[in-house]
Amino acid sequence: MTGKKNSCIQFVILITIKKKTKMTIVKICLGSSCFARGNNQILTLLKQEIEAKKLNAMLEIVGCRCSNLCADGPNVFVDEKKYTHVTAQDIPSILESIHG
């Protein structure tokens, strides 16, 4: 009987932790223009930096179709904030602005 009670408590704690942990969504435009301008390299660098800084539990990287901002590309979106003309040098400051 005690085992059941403990597993229920652990389940409730797990749900509470997951609800309080806010995942930041990093969307990277993978439209042909942004891709040709280097977002494929930006994607690789983002993954490397996130792993190196151990931010995997806080950030989720997702690709998105063309954002119709081709002239401003490469484009990266963090939640609703837009970063345009992104270069490899911008990656550390973008991650810094997310999780200091």
Foldseek 3Di string as FASTA:
>chain_A
DVVVVVVVVVVVVVVVVVVPQAAKEKEWEPEPLQVVVPSVVVVVLLVVVCVVVVVVSRYDYDYDYDPPPSVFDRWMQTRHDIDTPDDSVCNVVVVVVVPD
